[in-house]
Amino acid sequence: SATPVASAVSGSSDFAVTAKQFFIDLQNLNNAGDMDALKQKTTPDIYEALAHDIHTRTAASTTSVVQLNAEVVDETTEGSRRIVSVRFVGLVSESPNHAPDAVDEVWHFVQEAGDTRWKVAGIEQV
């Protein structure tokens, strides 16, 4: 019998919970403009994109996660690196005065061999 992809990640439902917290943490760090913490949680490409957004924004960021579901949709190993893709579906509010916007994104998390930390390596709109 075929093994579902999600079960290939040890405790994939646990990873979905971890990823959901990661999503919320990244939003909060982005709001705060915490460049050092963002650098720890992202690959250089993603970090550069976030840094550019932070440096060019004209007002404080007040994004908050209203509702969020996370589901592991893929897991693979490339050489010494593990990659887990998580689909986030939910509502995010850019400011207290606006209705929340729908979010439907797949985030690609990577973990290098010998490193316990996961980093965001890609974000795709679905």
C-alpha atoms as a PDB file:
ATOM      1  CA  SER A   1       0.000   0.000   0.000  1.00  0.00           C
ATOM      2  CA  ALA A   2       1.191   3.516  -0.790  1.00  0.00           C
ATOM      3  CA  THR A   3       2.252   5.687   2.104  1.00  0.00           C
ATOM      4  CA  PRO A   4       0.642   9.143   2.099  1.00  0.00           C
ATOM      5  CA  VAL A   5       3.214  11.881   1.548  1.00  0.00           C
ATOM      6  CA  ALA A   6       2.293  13.668   4.765  1.00  0.00           C
ATOM      7  CA  SER A   7       3.204  10.664   6.909  1.00  0.00           C
ATOM      8  CA  ALA A   8       6.755  10.804   5.556  1.00  0.00           C
ATOM      9  CA  VAL A   9       7.393  13.765   7.843  1.00  0.00           C
ATOM     10  CA  SER A  10       7.809  12.452  11.349  1.00  0.00           C
ATOM     11  CA  GLY A  11       4.620  13.673  12.981  1.00  0.00           C
ATOM     12  CA  SER A  12       3.424  15.713  10.002  1.00  0.00           C
ATOM     13  CA  SER A  13       0.447  17.048  11.957  1.00  0.00           C
ATOM     14  CA  ASP A  14       2.978  18.217  14.541  1.00  0.00           C
ATOM     15  CA  PHE A  15       4.962  19.889  11.765  1.00  0.00           C
ATOM     16  CA  ALA A  16       1.778  21.647  10.596  1.00  0.00           C
ATOM     17  CA  VAL A  17       1.392  23.045  14.132  1.00  0.00           C
ATOM     18  CA  THR A  18       5.052  24.100  14.142  1.00  0.00           C
ATOM     19  CA  ALA A  19       4.690  25.677  10.696  1.00  0.00           C
ATOM     20  CA  LYS A  20       1.568  27.571  11.760  1.00  0.00           C
ATOM     21  CA  GLN A  21       3.451  29.081  14.717  1.00  0.00           C
ATOM     22  CA  PHE A  22       6.363  29.858  12.370  1.00  0.00           C
ATOM     23  CA  PHE A  23       3.968  31.739  10.046  1.00  0.00           C
ATOM     24  CA  ILE A  24       2.603  33.799  12.959  1.00  0.00           C
ATOM     25  CA  ASP A  25       6.102  34.436  14.352  1.00  0.00           C
ATOM     26  CA  LEU A  26       7.346  35.589  10.942  1.00  0.00           C
ATOM     27  CA  GLN A  27       4.422  38.031  10.633  1.00  0.00           C
ATOM     28  CA  ASN A  28       5.193  39.427  14.098  1.00  0.00           C
ATOM     29  CA  LEU A  29       8.927  39.736  13.362  1.00  0.00           C
ATOM     30  CA  ASN A  30       8.103  41.424  10.050  1.00  0.00           C
ATOM     31  CA  ASN A  31       5.772  43.854  11.861  1.00  0.00           C
ATOM     32  CA  ALA A  32       8.539  44.630  14.355  1.00  0.00           C
ATOM     33  CA  GLY A  33      11.172  44.914  11.615  1.00  0.00           C
ATOM     34  CA  ASP A  34      13.373  42.478  13.563  1.00  0.00           C
ATOM     35  CA  MET A  35      16.006  41.873  10.883  1.00  0.00           C
ATOM     36  CA  ASP A  36      18.271  39.651  12.992  1.00  0.00           C
ATOM     37  CA  ALA A  37      15.466  37.246  13.930  1.00  0.00           C
ATOM     38  CA  LEU A  38      14.144  37.202  10.353  1.00  0.00           C
ATOM     39  CA  LYS A  39      17.624  36.291   9.096  1.00  0.00           C
ATOM     40  CA  GLN A  40      17.642  33.270  11.455  1.00  0.00           C
ATOM     41  CA  LYS A  41      14.313  32.002  10.095  1.00  0.00           C
ATOM     42  CA  THR A  42      14.737  32.522   6.353  1.00  0.00           C
ATOM     43  CA  THR A  43      17.100  31.652   3.523  1.00  0.00           C
ATOM     44  CA  PRO A  44      19.087  34.564   2.005  1.00  0.00           C
ATOM     45  CA  ASP A  45      16.638  35.038  -0.921  1.00  0.00           C
ATOM     46  CA  ILE A  46      13.591  35.286   1.322  1.00  0.00           C
ATOM     47  CA  TYR A  47      15.479  37.451   3.809  1.00  0.00           C
ATOM     48  CA  GLU A  48      16.426  39.930   1.054  1.00  0.00           C
ATOM     49  CA  ALA A  49      12.803  40.171  -0.106  1.00  0.00           C
ATOM     50  CA  LEU A  50      11.563  40.770   3.453  1.00  0.00           C
ATOM     51  CA  ALA A  51      14.334  43.280   4.150  1.00  0.00           C
ATOM     52  CA  HIS A  52      13.428  45.181   0.975  1.00  0.00           C
ATOM     53  CA  ASP A  53       9.750  45.285   2.006  1.00  0.00           C
ATOM     54  CA  ILE A  54      10.612  46.436   5.515  1.00  0.00           C
ATOM     55  CA  HIS A  55      13.008  49.160   4.321  1.00  0.00           C
ATOM     56  CA  THR A  56      10.585  50.524   1.720  1.00  0.00           C
ATOM     57  CA  ARG A  57       7.358  50.527   3.699  1.00  0.00           C
ATOM     58  CA  THR A  58       5.983  53.935   4.495  1.00  0.00           C
ATOM     59  CA  ALA A  59       3.900  53.007   7.546  1.00  0.00           C
ATOM     60  CA  ALA A  60       4.226  50.611  10.448  1.00  0.00           C
ATOM     61  CA  SER A  61       3.180  47.080   9.627  1.00  0.00           C
ATOM     62  CA  THR A  62       0.287  45.823  11.748  1.00  0.00           C
ATOM     63  CA  THR A  63      -0.487  42.534  10.036  1.00  0.00           C
ATOM     64  CA  SER A  64      -2.263  40.044  12.254  1.00  0.00           C
ATOM     65  CA  VAL A  65      -3.307  36.485  11.598  1.00  0.00           C
ATOM     66  CA  VAL A  66      -7.074  36.187  12.081  1.00  0.00           C
ATOM     67  CA  GLN A  67      -7.483  32.546  11.099  1.00  0.00           C
ATOM     68  CA  LEU A  68      -4.966  30.036   9.790  1.00  0.00           C
ATOM     69  CA  ASN A  69      -4.981  26.408   8.784  1.00  0.00           C
ATOM     70  CA  ALA A  70      -1.778  24.589   7.909  1.00  0.00           C
ATOM     71  CA  GLU A  71      -1.399  21.312   6.033  1.00  0.00           C
ATOM     72  CA  VAL A  72       1.784  19.511   5.039  1.00  0.00           C
ATOM     73  CA  VAL A  73       1.473  18.936   1.277  1.00  0.00           C
ATOM     74  CA  ASP A  74       4.924  17.603   0.390  1.00  0.00           C
ATOM     75  CA  GLU A  75       8.107  16.346   2.000  1.00  0.00           C
ATOM     76  CA  THR A  76      11.348  15.433   0.285  1.00  0.00           C
ATOM     77  CA  THR A  77      15.064  15.114   0.865  1.00  0.00           C
ATOM     78  CA  GLU A  78      17.581  16.631  -1.560  1.00  0.00           C
ATOM     79  CA  GLY A  79      21.079  15.552  -0.636  1.00  0.00           C
ATOM     80  CA  SER A  80      21.620  16.652   2.964  1.00  0.00           C
ATOM     81  CA  ARG A  81      18.628  18.988   3.067  1.00  0.00           C
ATOM     82  CA  ARG A  82      15.048  18.205   4.042  1.00  0.00           C
ATOM     83  CA  ILE A  83      12.266  20.199   2.424  1.00  0.00           C
ATOM     84  CA  VAL A  84       8.719  20.330   3.709  1.00  0.00           C
ATOM     85  CA  SER A  85       5.989  22.245   1.901  1.00  0.00           C
ATOM     86  CA  VAL A  86       3.064  23.536   3.945  1.00  0.00           C
ATOM     87  CA  ARG A  87      -0.110  25.065   2.553  1.00  0.00           C
ATOM     88  CA  PHE A  88      -1.555  27.888   4.634  1.00  0.00           C
ATOM     89  CA  VAL A  89      -5.174  28.891   4.140  1.00  0.00           C
ATOM     90  CA  GLY A  90      -6.757  31.562   6.280  1.00  0.00           C
ATOM     91  CA  LEU A  91      -7.395  35.234   6.897  1.00  0.00           C
ATOM     92  CA  VAL A  92      -4.833  37.936   7.570  1.00  0.00           C
ATOM     93  CA  SER A  93      -5.625  41.509   8.533  1.00  0.00           C
ATOM     94  CA  GLU A  94      -3.230  44.171   7.242  1.00  0.00           C
ATOM     95  CA  SER A  95      -4.659  46.773   9.599  1.00  0.00           C
ATOM     96  CA  PRO A  96      -7.332  47.058  12.286  1.00  0.00           C
ATOM     97  CA  ASN A  97      -9.425  49.300   9.991  1.00  0.00           C
ATOM     98  CA  HIS A  98      -9.676  46.876   7.066  1.00  0.00           C
ATOM     99  CA  ALA A  99     -11.492  43.603   6.542  1.00  0.00           C
ATOM    100  CA  PRO A 100      -9.164  40.594   6.574  1.00  0.00           C
ATOM    101  CA  ASP A 101      -7.727  39.313   3.309  1.00  0.00           C
ATOM    102  CA  ALA A 102      -7.778  35.663   2.315  1.00  0.00           C
ATOM    103  CA  VAL A 103      -4.414  33.894   2.367  1.00  0.00           C
ATOM    104  CA  ASP A 104      -3.689  30.790   0.308  1.00  0.00           C
ATOM    105  CA  GLU A 105       0.042  30.158   0.138  1.00  0.00           C
ATOM    106  CA  VAL A 106       2.484  27.279   0.105  1.00  0.00           C
ATOM    107  CA  TRP A 107       5.610  27.872   2.149  1.00  0.00           C
ATOM    108  CA  HIS A 108       8.682  25.727   1.568  1.00  0.00           C
ATOM    109  CA  PHE A 109      10.679  25.018   4.720  1.00  0.00           C
ATOM    110  CA  VAL A 110      14.247  23.695   4.551  1.00  0.00           C
ATOM    111  CA  GLN A 111      16.446  22.079   7.147  1.00  0.00           C
ATOM    112  CA  GLU A 112      20.130  21.492   6.460  1.00  0.00           C
ATOM    113  CA  ALA A 113      21.801  18.335   7.794  1.00  0.00           C
ATOM    114  CA  GLY A 114      23.154  18.914  11.274  1.00  0.00           C
ATOM    115  CA  ASP A 115      20.936  21.958  11.848  1.00  0.00           C
ATOM    116  CA  THR A 116      17.834  21.625  13.987  1.00  0.00           C
ATOM    117  CA  ARG A 117      16.389  24.913  12.697  1.00  0.00           C
ATOM    118  CA  TRP A 118      13.910  25.158   9.873  1.00  0.00           C
ATOM    119  CA  LYS A 119      14.027  28.131   7.504  1.00  0.00           C
ATOM    120  CA  VAL A 120      11.564  29.491   4.985  1.00  0.00           C
ATOM    121  CA  ALA A 121      13.067  29.031   1.514  1.00  0.00           C
ATOM    122  CA  GLY A 122      10.098  29.944  -0.652  1.00  0.00           C
ATOM    123  CA  ILE A 123       6.544  31.303  -0.589  1.00  0.00           C
ATOM    124  CA  GLU A 124       4.109  30.662  -3.425  1.00  0.00           C
ATOM    125  CA  GLN A 125       0.657  32.151  -3.894  1.00  0.00           C
ATOM    126  CA  VAL A 126      -1.879  29.431  -4.672  1.00  0.00           C
END
